[in-house]
C-alpha atoms as a PDB file:
ATOM      1  CA  MET A   1     -14.162   7.956  58.401  1.00  0.00           C
ATOM      2  CA  PRO A   2     -14.149   8.626  54.626  1.00  0.00           C
ATOM      3  CA  PRO A   3     -13.184  12.119  53.473  1.00  0.00           C
ATOM      4  CA  SER A   4     -15.984  14.547  52.723  1.00  0.00           C
ATOM      5  CA  PRO A   5     -16.820  15.517  49.112  1.00  0.00           C
ATOM      6  CA  LEU A   6     -15.329  18.972  49.795  1.00  0.00           C
ATOM      7  CA  ALA A   7     -12.043  17.463  50.990  1.00  0.00           C
ATOM      8  CA  ARG A   8     -11.908  15.155  47.973  1.00  0.00           C
ATOM      9  CA  ARG A   9     -12.457  18.078  45.592  1.00  0.00           C
ATOM     10  CA  SER A  10      -9.741  20.118  47.356  1.00  0.00           C
ATOM     11  CA  PHE A  11      -7.276  17.230  47.102  1.00  0.00           C
ATOM     12  CA  THR A  12      -8.111  16.690  43.439  1.00  0.00           C
ATOM     13  CA  ARG A  13      -7.622  20.406  42.716  1.00  0.00           C
ATOM     14  CA  ARG A  14      -4.216  20.490  44.471  1.00  0.00           C
ATOM     15  CA  ARG A  15      -3.084  17.362  42.628  1.00  0.00           C
ATOM     16  CA  HIS A  16      -4.192  18.862  39.313  1.00  0.00           C
ATOM     17  CA  MET A  17      -2.280  22.056  40.026  1.00  0.00           C
ATOM     18  CA  ALA A  18       0.843  20.122  41.003  1.00  0.00           C
ATOM     19  CA  THR A  19       0.794  18.150  37.754  1.00  0.00           C
ATOM     20  CA  THR A  20      -0.095  21.030  35.441  1.00  0.00           C
ATOM     21  CA  MET A  21       2.211  23.747  36.834  1.00  0.00           C
ATOM     22  CA  PRO A  22       5.447  22.183  35.485  1.00  0.00           C
ATOM     23  CA  THR A  23       3.788  21.783  32.092  1.00  0.00           C
ATOM     24  CA  ARG A  24       2.681  25.411  32.080  1.00  0.00           C
ATOM     25  CA  ALA A  25       6.129  26.603  33.173  1.00  0.00           C
ATOM     26  CA  GLY A  26       7.732  24.554  30.415  1.00  0.00           C
ATOM     27  CA  ALA A  27       5.296  25.942  27.880  1.00  0.00           C
ATOM     28  CA  ARG A  28       6.190  29.484  28.952  1.00  0.00           C
ATOM     29  CA  LEU A  29       9.925  28.791  29.048  1.00  0.00           C
ATOM     30  CA  ALA A  30      10.333  27.036  25.696  1.00  0.00           C
ATOM     31  CA  PRO A  31       9.493  29.966  23.359  1.00  0.00           C
ATOM     32  CA  ILE A  32      11.755  32.446  25.152  1.00  0.00           C
ATOM     33  CA  LEU A  33      14.647  29.967  25.178  1.00  0.00           C
ATOM     34  CA  VAL A  34      14.205  29.403  21.444  1.00  0.00           C
ATOM     35  CA  TYR A  35      14.207  33.154  20.847  1.00  0.00           C
ATOM     36  CA  VAL A  36      17.316  33.713  23.001  1.00  0.00           C
ATOM     37  CA  GLY A  37      19.194  30.867  21.324  1.00  0.00           C
ATOM     38  CA  VAL A  38      18.305  31.829  17.756  1.00  0.00           C
ATOM     39  CA  PHE A  39      19.016  35.517  18.351  1.00  0.00           C
ATOM     40  CA  HIS A  40      22.460  34.968  19.848  1.00  0.00           C
ATOM     41  CA  LEU A  41      23.447  32.373  17.277  1.00  0.00           C
ATOM     42  CA  ALA A  42      22.292  34.634  14.440  1.00  0.00           C
ATOM     43  CA  TRP A  43      24.306  37.575  15.766  1.00  0.00           C
ATOM     44  CA  ILE A  44      27.517  35.559  15.552  1.00  0.00           C
ATOM     45  CA  ALA A  45      27.293  36.089  11.787  1.00  0.00           C
ATOM     46  CA  TRP A  46      27.445  39.873  12.220  1.00  0.00           C
ATOM     47  CA  PRO A  47      31.197  40.399  12.733  1.00  0.00           C
ATOM     48  CA  PHE A  48      32.269  37.572  10.437  1.00  0.00           C
ATOM     49  CA  VAL A  49      29.840  37.879   7.518  1.00  0.00           C
ATOM     50  CA  VAL A  50      27.938  41.180   7.565  1.00  0.00           C
ATOM     51  CA  TYR A  51      30.353  43.710   9.066  1.00  0.00           C
ATOM     52  CA  PRO A  52      33.210  43.125   6.576  1.00  0.00           C
ATOM     53  CA  ARG A  53      30.807  43.821   3.710  1.00  0.00           C
ATOM     54  CA  LEU A  54      29.395  46.918   5.372  1.00  0.00           C
ATOM     55  CA  ILE A  55      32.791  48.341   6.208  1.00  0.00           C
ATOM     56  CA  ALA A  56      33.709  48.095   2.532  1.00  0.00           C
ATOM     57  CA  LEU A  57      31.124  50.849   1.898  1.00  0.00           C
ATOM     58  CA  GLY A  58      33.142  53.252   4.018  1.00  0.00           C
ATOM     59  CA  GLU A  59      32.628  53.467   7.769  1.00  0.00           C
ATOM     60  CA  ARG A  60      32.189  57.236   7.676  1.00  0.00           C
ATOM     61  CA  THR A  61      29.484  57.257   5.012  1.00  0.00           C
ATOM     62  CA  LEU A  62      25.786  57.861   5.554  1.00  0.00           C
ATOM     63  CA  LEU A  63      24.990  54.681   3.606  1.00  0.00           C
ATOM     64  CA  TYR A  64      27.019  52.601   6.057  1.00  0.00           C
ATOM     65  CA  ALA A  65      25.230  54.185   9.009  1.00  0.00           C
ATOM     66  CA  LEU A  66      21.760  53.630   7.535  1.00  0.00           C
ATOM     67  CA  LEU A  67      22.422  50.015   6.598  1.00  0.00           C
ATOM     68  CA  ASN A  68      24.007  49.312   9.978  1.00  0.00           C
ATOM     69  CA  ILE A  69      21.010  50.750  11.815  1.00  0.00           C
ATOM     70  CA  THR A  70      18.508  48.983   9.560  1.00  0.00           C
ATOM     71  CA  ILE A  71      20.114  45.564  10.028  1.00  0.00           C
ATOM     72  CA  ARG A  72      20.295  46.001  13.785  1.00  0.00           C
ATOM     73  CA  ILE A  73      16.641  47.018  13.993  1.00  0.00           C
ATOM     74  CA  LEU A  74      15.601  44.028  11.861  1.00  0.00           C
ATOM     75  CA  VAL A  75      17.590  41.582  14.018  1.00  0.00           C
ATOM     76  CA  TRP A  76      17.283  43.123  17.495  1.00  0.00           C
ATOM     77  CA  VAL A  77      13.953  44.979  17.569  1.00  0.00           C
ATOM     78  CA  VAL A  78      11.497  43.599  15.003  1.00  0.00           C
ATOM     79  CA  PRO A  79      11.545  39.984  16.325  1.00  0.00           C
ATOM     80  CA  VAL A  80      10.667  41.233  19.814  1.00  0.00           C
ATOM     81  CA  PHE A  81       7.606  43.079  18.522  1.00  0.00           C
ATOM     82  CA  LEU A  82       6.567  40.050  16.456  1.00  0.00           C
ATOM     83  CA  TYR A  83       7.008  37.729  19.450  1.00  0.00           C
ATOM     84  CA  LEU A  84       4.942  39.931  21.753  1.00  0.00           C
ATOM     85  CA  ARG A  85       2.227  40.411  19.152  1.00  0.00           C
ATOM     86  CA  HIS A  86       1.908  36.864  17.826  1.00  0.00           C
ATOM     87  CA  VAL A  87       3.195  34.606  20.632  1.00  0.00           C
ATOM     88  CA  ASP A  88       2.153  36.473  23.774  1.00  0.00           C
ATOM     89  CA  HIS A  89      -0.713  38.399  22.125  1.00  0.00           C
ATOM     90  CA  VAL A  90       0.048  41.586  24.055  1.00  0.00           C
ATOM     91  CA  GLU A  91       0.527  45.188  23.035  1.00  0.00           C
ATOM     92  CA  PRO A  92       4.318  45.525  22.536  1.00  0.00           C
ATOM     93  CA  LEU A  93       4.799  49.165  23.577  1.00  0.00           C
ATOM     94  CA  ALA A  94       2.947  48.695  26.848  1.00  0.00           C
ATOM     95  CA  TYR A  95       4.719  45.415  27.654  1.00  0.00           C
ATOM     96  CA  LEU A  96       8.127  46.950  26.962  1.00  0.00           C
ATOM     97  CA  LYS A  97       7.345  49.832  29.361  1.00  0.00           C
ATOM     98  CA  LEU A  98       7.524  52.446  26.616  1.00  0.00           C
ATOM     99  CA  THR A  99       4.172  54.121  27.225  1.00  0.00           C
ATOM    100  CA  ASP A 100       4.472  55.469  30.776  1.00  0.00           C
ATOM    101  CA  GLY A 101       6.905  57.215  33.081  1.00  0.00           C
ATOM    102  CA  PHE A 102       8.820  59.182  30.455  1.00  0.00           C
ATOM    103  CA  ARG A 103       9.397  62.275  32.622  1.00  0.00           C
ATOM    104  CA  ARG A 104      10.602  60.226  35.557  1.00  0.00           C
ATOM    105  CA  ALA A 105      12.830  58.219  33.220  1.00  0.00           C
ATOM    106  CA  VAL A 106      14.395  61.413  31.830  1.00  0.00           C
ATOM    107  CA  ALA A 107      15.160  62.626  35.341  1.00  0.00           C
ATOM    108  CA  VAL A 108      16.708  59.292  36.326  1.00  0.00           C
ATOM    109  CA  ALA A 109      18.747  59.120  33.116  1.00  0.00           C
ATOM    110  CA  ALA A 110      19.996  62.689  33.603  1.00  0.00           C
ATOM    111  CA  ILE A 111      21.225  61.952  37.129  1.00  0.00           C
ATOM    112  CA  VAL A 112      22.933  58.675  36.159  1.00  0.00           C
ATOM    113  CA  THR A 113      24.493  60.264  33.058  1.00  0.00           C
ATOM    114  CA  ALA A 114      25.880  63.151  35.121  1.00  0.00           C
ATOM    115  CA  LEU A 115      27.504  60.662  37.487  1.00  0.00           C
ATOM    116  CA  ASN A 116      28.741  58.653  34.521  1.00  0.00           C
ATOM    117  CA  PHE A 117      30.280  61.785  33.004  1.00  0.00           C
ATOM    118  CA  LEU A 118      32.179  62.422  36.233  1.00  0.00           C
ATOM    119  CA  GLY A 119      33.338  58.809  36.164  1.00  0.00           C
ATOM    120  CA  TYR A 120      34.664  59.200  32.624  1.00  0.00           C
ATOM    121  CA  MET A 121      36.515  62.349  33.647  1.00  0.00           C
ATOM    122  CA  ALA A 122      38.053  60.535  36.600  1.00  0.00           C
ATOM    123  CA  ARG A 123      39.268  57.745  34.306  1.00  0.00           C
ATOM    124  CA  PHE A 124      40.226  59.648  31.134  1.00  0.00           C
ATOM    125  CA  GLY A 125      40.588  63.314  32.076  1.00  0.00           C
ATOM    126  CA  LEU A 126      38.821  66.181  30.357  1.00  0.00           C
ATOM    127  CA  PRO A 127      36.621  65.469  27.322  1.00  0.00           C
ATOM    128  CA  HIS A 128      38.634  65.246  24.143  1.00  0.00           C
ATOM    129  CA  PRO A 129      36.260  64.855  21.188  1.00  0.00           C
ATOM    130  CA  SER A 130      37.895  64.122  17.873  1.00  0.00           C
ATOM    131  CA  ALA A 131      36.746  64.546  14.298  1.00  0.00           C
ATOM    132  CA  ALA A 132      37.959  60.999  13.677  1.00  0.00           C
ATOM    133  CA  HIS A 133      35.201  59.706  15.959  1.00  0.00           C
ATOM    134  CA  LEU A 134      32.493  61.991  14.584  1.00  0.00           C
ATOM    135  CA  THR A 135      30.758  59.999  11.852  1.00  0.00           C
ATOM    136  CA  TRP A 136      27.212  59.415  10.658  1.00  0.00           C
ATOM    137  CA  ASN A 137      27.205  56.122  12.501  1.00  0.00           C
ATOM    138  CA  SER A 138      28.577  57.532  15.765  1.00  0.00           C
ATOM    139  CA  LEU A 139      25.877  60.218  15.696  1.00  0.00           C
ATOM    140  CA  LEU A 140      22.873  58.224  14.451  1.00  0.00           C
ATOM    141  CA  GLY A 141      23.684  54.720  15.629  1.00  0.00           C
ATOM    142  CA  THR A 142      25.976  55.007  18.628  1.00  0.00           C
ATOM    143  CA  SER A 143      24.659  58.234  20.133  1.00  0.00           C
ATOM    144  CA  PHE A 144      20.991  58.292  19.143  1.00  0.00           C
ATOM    145  CA  LEU A 145      19.556  54.840  18.483  1.00  0.00           C
ATOM    146  CA  VAL A 146      21.862  52.383  20.252  1.00  0.00           C
ATOM    147  CA  GLY A 147      19.872  52.570  23.486  1.00  0.00           C
ATOM    148  CA  PHE A 148      16.595  51.919  21.694  1.00  0.00           C
ATOM    149  CA  ILE A 149      18.011  49.029  19.658  1.00  0.00           C
ATOM    150  CA  GLU A 150      19.843  47.228  22.467  1.00  0.00           C
ATOM    151  CA  GLU A 151      17.559  47.915  25.433  1.00  0.00           C
ATOM    152  CA  ILE A 152      14.378  46.599  23.793  1.00  0.00           C
ATOM    153  CA  PRO A 153      15.502  42.948  23.562  1.00  0.00           C
ATOM    154  CA  TYR A 154      17.467  42.838  26.817  1.00  0.00           C
ATOM    155  CA  ARG A 155      15.902  45.044  29.496  1.00  0.00           C
ATOM    156  CA  GLY A 156      12.558  45.486  27.756  1.00  0.00           C
ATOM    157  CA  PHE A 157      11.904  41.885  26.726  1.00  0.00           C
ATOM    158  CA  MET A 158      14.271  39.261  28.166  1.00  0.00           C
ATOM    159  CA  LEU A 159      14.506  40.863  31.610  1.00  0.00           C
ATOM    160  CA  GLN A 160      10.738  40.838  32.019  1.00  0.00           C
ATOM    161  CA  LYS A 161      10.388  37.306  30.650  1.00  0.00           C
ATOM    162  CA  PHE A 162      13.034  35.850  32.935  1.00  0.00           C
ATOM    163  CA  THR A 163      11.761  37.889  35.898  1.00  0.00           C
ATOM    164  CA  ASP A 164       8.393  36.176  35.523  1.00  0.00           C
ATOM    165  CA  LEU A 165      10.119  32.782  35.499  1.00  0.00           C
ATOM    166  CA  LEU A 166      13.058  33.240  37.886  1.00  0.00           C
ATOM    167  CA  GLY A 167      12.505  36.418  39.864  1.00  0.00           C
ATOM    168  CA  PHE A 168      14.279  39.730  39.322  1.00  0.00           C
ATOM    169  CA  PRO A 169      17.717  39.050  40.897  1.00  0.00           C
ATOM    170  CA  TRP A 170      18.388  35.964  38.775  1.00  0.00           C
ATOM    171  CA  ALA A 171      16.802  37.549  35.700  1.00  0.00           C
ATOM    172  CA  GLY A 172      18.982  40.627  36.081  1.00  0.00           C
ATOM    173  CA  LEU A 173      22.142  38.548  36.311  1.00  0.00           C
ATOM    174  CA  LEU A 174      21.137  36.242  33.452  1.00  0.00           C
ATOM    175  CA  THR A 175      20.262  39.026  31.027  1.00  0.00           C
ATOM    176  CA  SER A 176      23.469  40.865  31.965  1.00  0.00           C
ATOM    177  CA  VAL A 177      25.502  37.755  31.142  1.00  0.00           C
ATOM    178  CA  LEU A 178      23.621  37.406  27.842  1.00  0.00           C
ATOM    179  CA  PHE A 179      24.267  41.079  27.069  1.00  0.00           C
ATOM    180  CA  LEU A 180      27.964  40.479  27.637  1.00  0.00           C
ATOM    181  CA  VAL A 181      27.895  37.314  25.509  1.00  0.00           C
ATOM    182  CA  VAL A 182      26.323  39.077  22.531  1.00  0.00           C
ATOM    183  CA  HIS A 183      29.309  41.441  22.406  1.00  0.00           C
ATOM    184  CA  LEU A 184      31.910  38.669  22.426  1.00  0.00           C
ATOM    185  CA  PRO A 185      31.789  37.686  18.714  1.00  0.00           C
ATOM    186  CA  GLY A 186      32.483  41.262  17.647  1.00  0.00           C
ATOM    187  CA  TRP A 187      35.297  41.741  20.137  1.00  0.00           C
ATOM    188  CA  LEU A 188      36.917  38.461  19.170  1.00  0.00           C
ATOM    189  CA  ALA A 189      36.514  38.999  15.432  1.00  0.00           C
ATOM    190  CA  LEU A 190      38.079  42.461  15.664  1.00  0.00           C
ATOM    191  CA  ARG A 191      40.644  41.278  18.234  1.00  0.00           C
ATOM    192  CA  VAL A 192      39.728  44.021  20.699  1.00  0.00           C
ATOM    193  CA  PHE A 193      38.630  41.868  23.635  1.00  0.00           C
ATOM    194  CA  ALA A 194      39.733  43.217  27.020  1.00  0.00           C
ATOM    195  CA  TRP A 195      38.761  41.991  30.472  1.00  0.00           C
ATOM    196  CA  ASP A 196      38.174  45.490  31.836  1.00  0.00           C
ATOM    197  CA  THR A 197      35.796  46.256  28.964  1.00  0.00           C
ATOM    198  CA  ALA A 198      33.936  42.988  29.536  1.00  0.00           C
ATOM    199  CA  ALA A 199      33.601  43.777  33.245  1.00  0.00           C
ATOM    200  CA  PHE A 200      32.321  47.272  32.464  1.00  0.00           C
ATOM    201  CA  VAL A 201      29.703  45.930  30.025  1.00  0.00           C
ATOM    202  CA  PHE A 202      28.451  43.407  32.591  1.00  0.00           C
ATOM    203  CA  VAL A 203      28.214  45.977  35.395  1.00  0.00           C
ATOM    204  CA  PHE A 204      26.587  48.433  33.000  1.00  0.00           C
ATOM    205  CA  ALA A 205      23.976  45.812  32.055  1.00  0.00           C
ATOM    206  CA  VAL A 206      23.190  45.168  35.726  1.00  0.00           C
ATOM    207  CA  LEU A 207      22.763  48.918  36.255  1.00  0.00           C
ATOM    208  CA  MET A 208      20.407  49.158  33.267  1.00  0.00           C
ATOM    209  CA  ALA A 209      18.295  46.352  34.731  1.00  0.00           C
ATOM    210  CA  LEU A 210      18.099  48.199  38.056  1.00  0.00           C
ATOM    211  CA  LEU A 211      17.121  51.444  36.326  1.00  0.00           C
ATOM    212  CA  VAL A 212      14.220  49.757  34.547  1.00  0.00           C
ATOM    213  CA  ARG A 213      13.189  47.931  37.707  1.00  0.00           C
ATOM    214  CA  TYR A 214      12.952  51.005  39.873  1.00  0.00           C
ATOM    215  CA  SER A 215      11.916  53.630  37.313  1.00  0.00           C
ATOM    216  CA  LYS A 216       9.292  51.262  35.831  1.00  0.00           C
ATOM    217  CA  SER A 217      10.131  52.625  32.396  1.00  0.00           C
ATOM    218  CA  LEU A 218      12.418  51.343  29.669  1.00  0.00           C
ATOM    219  CA  TRP A 219      13.132  54.930  28.686  1.00  0.00           C
ATOM    220  CA  ALA A 220      15.464  55.264  31.687  1.00  0.00           C
ATOM    221  CA  SER A 221      17.826  52.614  30.341  1.00  0.00           C
ATOM    222  CA  ILE A 222      17.378  53.684  26.695  1.00  0.00           C
ATOM    223  CA  LEU A 223      18.411  57.273  27.392  1.00  0.00           C
ATOM    224  CA  THR A 224      21.206  56.309  29.792  1.00  0.00           C
ATOM    225  CA  HIS A 225      22.567  53.717  27.358  1.00  0.00           C
ATOM    226  CA  SER A 226      22.646  56.115  24.411  1.00  0.00           C
ATOM    227  CA  ALA A 227      24.208  58.833  26.546  1.00  0.00           C
ATOM    228  CA  ASN A 228      26.894  56.434  27.785  1.00  0.00           C
ATOM    229  CA  ASP A 229      27.907  55.362  24.287  1.00  0.00           C
ATOM    230  CA  CYS A 230      27.919  58.978  23.124  1.00  0.00           C
ATOM    231  CA  LEU A 231      30.214  59.906  26.021  1.00  0.00           C
ATOM    232  CA  SER A 232      32.492  56.969  25.281  1.00  0.00           C
ATOM    233  CA  VAL A 233      32.819  57.345  21.510  1.00  0.00           C
ATOM    234  CA  VAL A 234      32.088  60.974  20.671  1.00  0.00           C
ATOM    235  CA  VAL A 235      32.929  62.997  23.794  1.00  0.00           C
ATOM    236  CA  PHE A 236      35.892  61.047  25.172  1.00  0.00           C
ATOM    237  CA  GLY A 237      36.968  59.367  21.938  1.00  0.00           C
ATOM    238  CA  ARG A 238      37.362  55.861  23.358  1.00  0.00           C
END
């Protein structure tokens, strides 16, 4: 008995979906892979080409801090907004989870930061801030804007992109590895690489992914990230 017209249409639809889904997945994957590759390759130039010229201005100067922040925003933040606007055609602030849940994010960040502070005390003793670590850059860049600059591409953008493609567990691990990788050129160029620091950065990145996942706001990781770096550099002088 020949199949009915309805059965033939259903079979044709399933076959069309099976042949078009890999193409659609590839079309979605290609742009983000290009972005990730170009971004990480471009940042290799930072410690070898850009940083030596910036440091010549004087690491404690306001000019150094402003140029450092400006370059990081142009490389880390602006391309994400351009990608979302012109490739995905979405509203960047909403996609990055920057428009909702601010109060909840503040509460989450406060709790995690309090626990982090206790962890620093357990490792390094009482806070011991030093004037040597109090610079324009440590205040403006490390303590104030670092969370905004670094969380937007990783937990705001890449985490969501790879979650759509791979699911959250794999996306969280992948973006955490990428976050660790982006720090490697600087550590190697300055000869400050240490396995315990690398492990901390990876675990910290996983935690930031979990904060965004369950707070549903990028502000949770932004505030926690900035607070962590302020504790490390300014408060405990690491």
